[in-house]
Amino acid sequence: MAKGKDARVRIILECTSCRNGVSTGIFRYITQKNRHNTPNRLGLRKFCPYCYKHTIHGEIKK
């Protein structure tokens, strides 16, 4: 089985409001997504302890 053709890939989600501020990449989540079902970048609403509210966390490159 080829390793590069797996459907599930590991992605990193980063807070978009912290990313725009002075300190980039302050808080990140690690999750998985199915490459075939969601080929575009993923954006989930997660809790950021530095913003102290729920914000959109977008997928970033590794």
PDB file of N, CA and C in Angstrom:
ATOM      1  N   MET A   1       0.845  -1.168   0.000  1.00  0.00           N
ATOM      2  CA  MET A   1       0.000   0.000   0.000  1.00  0.00           C
ATOM      3  C   MET A   1       0.894   1.237   0.000  1.00  0.00           C
ATOM      4  N   ALA A   2       0.566   2.160  -0.871  1.00  0.00           N
ATOM      5  CA  ALA A   2       1.371   3.377  -0.995  1.00  0.00           C
ATOM      6  C   ALA A   2       1.051   4.345   0.128  1.00  0.00           C
ATOM      7  N   LYS A   3       2.090   4.938   0.708  1.00  0.00           N
ATOM      8  CA  LYS A   3       1.901   5.836   1.838  1.00  0.00           C
ATOM      9  C   LYS A   3       1.346   7.186   1.406  1.00  0.00           C
ATOM     10  N   GLY A   4       1.672   7.674   0.221  1.00  0.00           N
ATOM     11  CA  GLY A   4       1.243   8.991  -0.225  1.00  0.00           C
ATOM     12  C   GLY A   4      -0.198   9.069  -0.688  1.00  0.00           C
ATOM     13  N   LYS A   5      -0.878   7.934  -0.845  1.00  0.00           N
ATOM     14  CA  LYS A   5      -2.239   7.949  -1.383  1.00  0.00           C
ATOM     15  C   LYS A   5      -3.299   7.729  -0.315  1.00  0.00           C
ATOM     16  N   ASP A   6      -2.939   7.898   0.945  1.00  0.00           N
ATOM     17  CA  ASP A   6      -3.911   7.723   2.016  1.00  0.00           C
ATOM     18  C   ASP A   6      -4.965   8.815   1.953  1.00  0.00           C
ATOM     19  N   ALA A   7      -6.186   8.474   2.300  1.00  0.00           N
ATOM     20  CA  ALA A   7      -7.269   9.449   2.261  1.00  0.00           C
ATOM     21  C   ALA A   7      -7.230  10.378   3.468  1.00  0.00           C
ATOM     22  N   ARG A   8      -6.874   9.836   4.637  1.00  0.00           N
ATOM     23  CA  ARG A   8      -6.839  10.649   5.843  1.00  0.00           C
ATOM     24  C   ARG A   8      -5.457  11.251   6.036  1.00  0.00           C
ATOM     25  N   VAL A   9      -5.436  12.566   6.210  1.00  0.00           N
ATOM     26  CA  VAL A   9      -4.171  13.264   6.422  1.00  0.00           C
ATOM     27  C   VAL A   9      -4.252  14.066   7.713  1.00  0.00           C
ATOM     28  N   ARG A  10      -3.111  14.292   8.314  1.00  0.00           N
ATOM     29  CA  ARG A  10      -3.018  15.048   9.559  1.00  0.00           C
ATOM     30  C   ARG A  10      -2.840  16.521   9.220  1.00  0.00           C
ATOM     31  N   ILE A  11      -3.641  17.398   9.843  1.00  0.00           N
ATOM     32  CA  ILE A  11      -3.560  18.828   9.568  1.00  0.00           C
ATOM     33  C   ILE A  11      -3.385  19.603  10.864  1.00  0.00           C
ATOM     34  N   ILE A  12      -2.914  20.848  10.738  1.00  0.00           N
ATOM     35  CA  ILE A  12      -2.727  21.740  11.879  1.00  0.00           C
ATOM     36  C   ILE A  12      -3.660  22.926  11.703  1.00  0.00           C
ATOM     37  N   LEU A  13      -4.433  23.226  12.749  1.00  0.00           N
ATOM     38  CA  LEU A  13      -5.349  24.366  12.742  1.00  0.00           C
ATOM     39  C   LEU A  13      -4.780  25.463  13.627  1.00  0.00           C
ATOM     40  N   GLU A  14      -4.770  26.691  13.115  1.00  0.00           N
ATOM     41  CA  GLU A  14      -4.225  27.821  13.859  1.00  0.00           C
ATOM     42  C   GLU A  14      -5.289  28.913  13.971  1.00  0.00           C
ATOM     43  N   CYS A  15      -5.322  29.598  15.100  1.00  0.00           N
ATOM     44  CA  CYS A  15      -6.300  30.658  15.350  1.00  0.00           C
ATOM     45  C   CYS A  15      -6.087  31.801  14.360  1.00  0.00           C
ATOM     46  N   THR A  16      -7.152  32.213  13.687  1.00  0.00           N
ATOM     47  CA  THR A  16      -7.021  33.269  12.684  1.00  0.00           C
ATOM     48  C   THR A  16      -6.918  34.655  13.311  1.00  0.00           C
ATOM     49  N   SER A  17      -7.539  34.868  14.463  1.00  0.00           N
ATOM     50  CA  SER A  17      -7.442  36.188  15.082  1.00  0.00           C
ATOM     51  C   SER A  17      -6.084  36.394  15.745  1.00  0.00           C
ATOM     52  N   CYS A  18      -5.487  35.351  16.303  1.00  0.00           N
ATOM     53  CA  CYS A  18      -4.132  35.456  16.855  1.00  0.00           C
ATOM     54  C   CYS A  18      -3.105  35.578  15.741  1.00  0.00           C
ATOM     55  N   ARG A  19      -3.373  34.960  14.600  1.00  0.00           N
ATOM     56  CA  ARG A  19      -2.455  34.986  13.474  1.00  0.00           C
ATOM     57  C   ARG A  19      -2.296  36.406  12.938  1.00  0.00           C
ATOM     58  N   ASN A  20      -3.362  37.199  12.992  1.00  0.00           N
ATOM     59  CA  ASN A  20      -3.310  38.575  12.501  1.00  0.00           C
ATOM     60  C   ASN A  20      -2.639  39.518  13.491  1.00  0.00           C
ATOM     61  N   GLY A  21      -2.499  39.104  14.723  1.00  0.00           N
ATOM     62  CA  GLY A  21      -1.906  39.954  15.753  1.00  0.00           C
ATOM     63  C   GLY A  21      -0.389  39.944  15.711  1.00  0.00           C
ATOM     64  N   VAL A  22       0.200  40.405  16.782  1.00  0.00           N
ATOM     65  CA  VAL A  22       1.657  40.514  16.871  1.00  0.00           C
ATOM     66  C   VAL A  22       2.312  39.137  16.921  1.00  0.00           C
ATOM     67  N   SER A  23       1.789  38.256  17.752  1.00  0.00           N
ATOM     68  CA  SER A  23       2.402  36.938  17.906  1.00  0.00           C
ATOM     69  C   SER A  23       1.696  35.946  16.989  1.00  0.00           C
ATOM     70  N   THR A  24       2.379  35.429  15.995  1.00  0.00           N
ATOM     71  CA  THR A  24       1.769  34.490  15.057  1.00  0.00           C
ATOM     72  C   THR A  24       1.897  33.078  15.568  1.00  0.00           C
ATOM     73  N   GLY A  25       0.873  32.282  15.319  1.00  0.00           N
ATOM     74  CA  GLY A  25       0.906  30.871  15.689  1.00  0.00           C
ATOM     75  C   GLY A  25       0.891  30.628  17.170  1.00  0.00           C
ATOM     76  N   ILE A  26       0.103  31.405  17.897  1.00  0.00           N
ATOM     77  CA  ILE A  26       0.106  31.299  19.347  1.00  0.00           C
ATOM     78  C   ILE A  26      -0.527  29.991  19.812  1.00  0.00           C
ATOM     79  N   PHE A  27      -1.617  29.554  19.205  1.00  0.00           N
ATOM     80  CA  PHE A  27      -2.290  28.348  19.656  1.00  0.00           C
ATOM     81  C   PHE A  27      -2.711  27.518  18.464  1.00  0.00           C
ATOM     82  N   ARG A  28      -2.458  26.219  18.533  1.00  0.00           N
ATOM     83  CA  ARG A  28      -2.756  25.336  17.410  1.00  0.00           C
ATOM     84  C   ARG A  28      -3.430  24.056  17.880  1.00  0.00           C
ATOM     85  N   TYR A  29      -4.300  23.535  17.027  1.00  0.00           N
ATOM     86  CA  TYR A  29      -4.916  22.231  17.219  1.00  0.00           C
ATOM     87  C   TYR A  29      -4.395  21.300  16.130  1.00  0.00           C
ATOM     88  N   ILE A  30      -4.286  20.023  16.432  1.00  0.00           N
ATOM     89  CA  ILE A  30      -3.916  19.013  15.451  1.00  0.00           C
ATOM     90  C   ILE A  30      -5.102  18.075  15.296  1.00  0.00           C
ATOM     91  N   THR A  31      -5.506  17.830  14.047  1.00  0.00           N
ATOM     92  CA  THR A  31      -6.642  16.964  13.775  1.00  0.00           C
ATOM     93  C   THR A  31      -6.411  16.248  12.454  1.00  0.00           C
ATOM     94  N   GLN A  32      -7.402  15.498  12.007  1.00  0.00           N
ATOM     95  CA  GLN A  32      -7.317  14.783  10.740  1.00  0.00           C
ATOM     96  C   GLN A  32      -8.485  15.170   9.857  1.00  0.00           C
ATOM     97  N   LYS A  33      -8.274  15.051   8.539  1.00  0.00           N
ATOM     98  CA  LYS A  33      -9.370  15.263   7.614  1.00  0.00           C
ATOM     99  C   LYS A  33      -9.247  14.260   6.483  1.00  0.00           C
ATOM    100  N   ASN A  34     -10.354  14.017   5.804  1.00  0.00           N
ATOM    101  CA  ASN A  34     -10.371  13.142   4.652  1.00  0.00           C
ATOM    102  C   ASN A  34     -10.090  13.987   3.420  1.00  0.00           C
ATOM    103  N   ARG A  35      -9.011  13.684   2.744  1.00  0.00           N
ATOM    104  CA  ARG A  35      -8.573  14.467   1.593  1.00  0.00           C
ATOM    105  C   ARG A  35      -9.566  14.402   0.429  1.00  0.00           C
ATOM    106  N   HIS A  36     -10.261  13.282   0.290  1.00  0.00           N
ATOM    107  CA  HIS A  36     -11.198  13.120  -0.820  1.00  0.00           C
ATOM    108  C   HIS A  36     -12.505  13.885  -0.587  1.00  0.00           C
ATOM    109  N   ASN A  37     -12.979  13.945   0.650  1.00  0.00           N
ATOM    110  CA  ASN A  37     -14.236  14.637   0.953  1.00  0.00           C
ATOM    111  C   ASN A  37     -14.061  16.144   1.049  1.00  0.00           C
ATOM    112  N   THR A  38     -12.944  16.615   1.595  1.00  0.00           N
ATOM    113  CA  THR A  38     -12.687  18.047   1.754  1.00  0.00           C
ATOM    114  C   THR A  38     -11.335  18.400   1.150  1.00  0.00           C
ATOM    115  N   PRO A  39     -11.280  18.636  -0.158  1.00  0.00           N
ATOM    116  CA  PRO A  39      -9.995  18.946  -0.790  1.00  0.00           C
ATOM    117  C   PRO A  39      -9.507  20.362  -0.475  1.00  0.00           C
ATOM    118  N   ASN A  40     -10.419  21.272  -0.129  1.00  0.00           N
ATOM    119  CA  ASN A  40     -10.036  22.653   0.185  1.00  0.00           C
ATOM    120  C   ASN A  40      -9.544  22.749   1.624  1.00  0.00           C
ATOM    121  N   ARG A  41      -9.046  23.924   1.974  1.00  0.00           N
ATOM    122  CA  ARG A  41      -8.573  24.144   3.338  1.00  0.00           C
ATOM    123  C   ARG A  41      -9.751  24.129   4.304  1.00  0.00           C
ATOM    124  N   LEU A  42      -9.504  23.585   5.476  1.00  0.00           N
ATOM    125  CA  LEU A  42     -10.537  23.411   6.485  1.00  0.00           C
ATOM    126  C   LEU A  42     -10.502  24.567   7.478  1.00  0.00           C
ATOM    127  N   GLY A  43     -11.659  25.007   7.920  1.00  0.00           N
ATOM    128  CA  GLY A  43     -11.770  26.034   8.946  1.00  0.00           C
ATOM    129  C   GLY A  43     -12.822  25.620   9.960  1.00  0.00           C
ATOM    130  N   LEU A  44     -12.408  25.447  11.204  1.00  0.00           N
ATOM    131  CA  LEU A  44     -13.325  25.021  12.259  1.00  0.00           C
ATOM    132  C   LEU A  44     -13.377  26.066  13.359  1.00  0.00           C
ATOM    133  N   ARG A  45     -14.505  26.128  14.023  1.00  0.00           N
ATOM    134  CA  ARG A  45     -14.668  27.059  15.137  1.00  0.00           C
ATOM    135  C   ARG A  45     -14.241  26.353  16.418  1.00  0.00           C
ATOM    136  N   LYS A  46     -13.133  26.806  16.992  1.00  0.00           N
ATOM    137  CA  LYS A  46     -12.554  26.201  18.185  1.00  0.00           C
ATOM    138  C   LYS A  46     -12.312  27.274  19.237  1.00  0.00           C
ATOM    139  N   PHE A  47     -12.041  26.836  20.471  1.00  0.00           N
ATOM    140  CA  PHE A  47     -11.773  27.763  21.562  1.00  0.00           C
ATOM    141  C   PHE A  47     -10.292  28.110  21.585  1.00  0.00           C
ATOM    142  N   CYS A  48      -9.989  29.417  21.665  1.00  0.00           N
ATOM    143  CA  CYS A  48      -8.616  29.896  21.781  1.00  0.00           C
ATOM    144  C   CYS A  48      -8.429  30.460  23.189  1.00  0.00           C
ATOM    145  N   PRO A  49      -7.535  29.877  23.990  1.00  0.00           N
ATOM    146  CA  PRO A  49      -7.365  30.362  25.360  1.00  0.00           C
ATOM    147  C   PRO A  49      -6.702  31.735  25.442  1.00  0.00           C
ATOM    148  N   TYR A  50      -6.002  32.154  24.397  1.00  0.00           N
ATOM    149  CA  TYR A  50      -5.359  33.463  24.418  1.00  0.00           C
ATOM    150  C   TYR A  50      -6.344  34.577  24.063  1.00  0.00           C
ATOM    151  N   CYS A  51      -7.251  34.303  23.121  1.00  0.00           N
ATOM    152  CA  CYS A  51      -8.331  35.259  22.814  1.00  0.00           C
ATOM    153  C   CYS A  51      -9.451  35.147  23.848  1.00  0.00           C
ATOM    154  N   TYR A  52      -9.522  34.005  24.510  1.00  0.00           N
ATOM    155  CA  TYR A  52     -10.539  33.654  25.491  1.00  0.00           C
ATOM    156  C   TYR A  52     -11.942  33.690  24.885  1.00  0.00           C
ATOM    157  N   LYS A  53     -12.059  33.165  23.657  1.00  0.00           N
ATOM    158  CA  LYS A  53     -13.358  33.031  23.002  1.00  0.00           C
ATOM    159  C   LYS A  53     -13.237  32.022  21.867  1.00  0.00           C
ATOM    160  N   HIS A  54     -14.390  31.645  21.313  1.00  0.00           N
ATOM    161  CA  HIS A  54     -14.409  30.744  20.179  1.00  0.00           C
ATOM    162  C   HIS A  54     -14.121  31.541  18.912  1.00  0.00           C
ATOM    163  N   THR A  55     -13.122  31.102  18.145  1.00  0.00           N
ATOM    164  CA  THR A  55     -12.747  31.770  16.905  1.00  0.00           C
ATOM    165  C   THR A  55     -12.573  30.725  15.814  1.00  0.00           C
ATOM    166  N   ILE A  56     -12.458  31.196  14.584  1.00  0.00           N
ATOM    167  CA  ILE A  56     -12.213  30.311  13.455  1.00  0.00           C
ATOM    168  C   ILE A  56     -10.739  29.922  13.453  1.00  0.00           C
ATOM    169  N   HIS A  57     -10.485  28.625  13.414  1.00  0.00           N
ATOM    170  CA  HIS A  57      -9.128  28.104  13.308  1.00  0.00           C
ATOM    171  C   HIS A  57      -8.979  27.541  11.896  1.00  0.00           C
ATOM    172  N   GLY A  58      -8.043  28.078  11.145  1.00  0.00           N
ATOM    173  CA  GLY A  58      -7.842  27.680   9.767  1.00  0.00           C
ATOM    174  C   GLY A  58      -6.671  26.733   9.608  1.00  0.00           C
ATOM    175  N   GLU A  59      -6.738  25.963   8.540  1.00  0.00           N
ATOM    176  CA  GLU A  59      -5.677  24.999   8.253  1.00  0.00           C
ATOM    177  C   GLU A  59      -4.440  25.713   7.734  1.00  0.00           C
ATOM    178  N   ILE A  60      -3.271  25.314   8.224  1.00  0.00           N
ATOM    179  CA  ILE A  60      -2.015  25.906   7.778  1.00  0.00           C
ATOM    180  C   ILE A  60      -1.131  24.817   7.205  1.00  0.00           C
ATOM    181  N   LYS A  61      -0.091  25.225   6.493  1.00  0.00           N
ATOM    182  CA  LYS A  61       0.864  24.264   5.957  1.00  0.00           C
ATOM    183  C   LYS A  61       1.793  23.796   7.054  1.00  0.00           C
ATOM    184  N   LYS A  62       2.320  22.594   6.907  1.00  0.00           N
ATOM    185  CA  LYS A  62       3.238  22.043   7.903  1.00  0.00           C
ATOM    186  C   LYS A  62       4.614  22.615   7.733  1.00  0.00           C
TER     187      LYS A  62
END
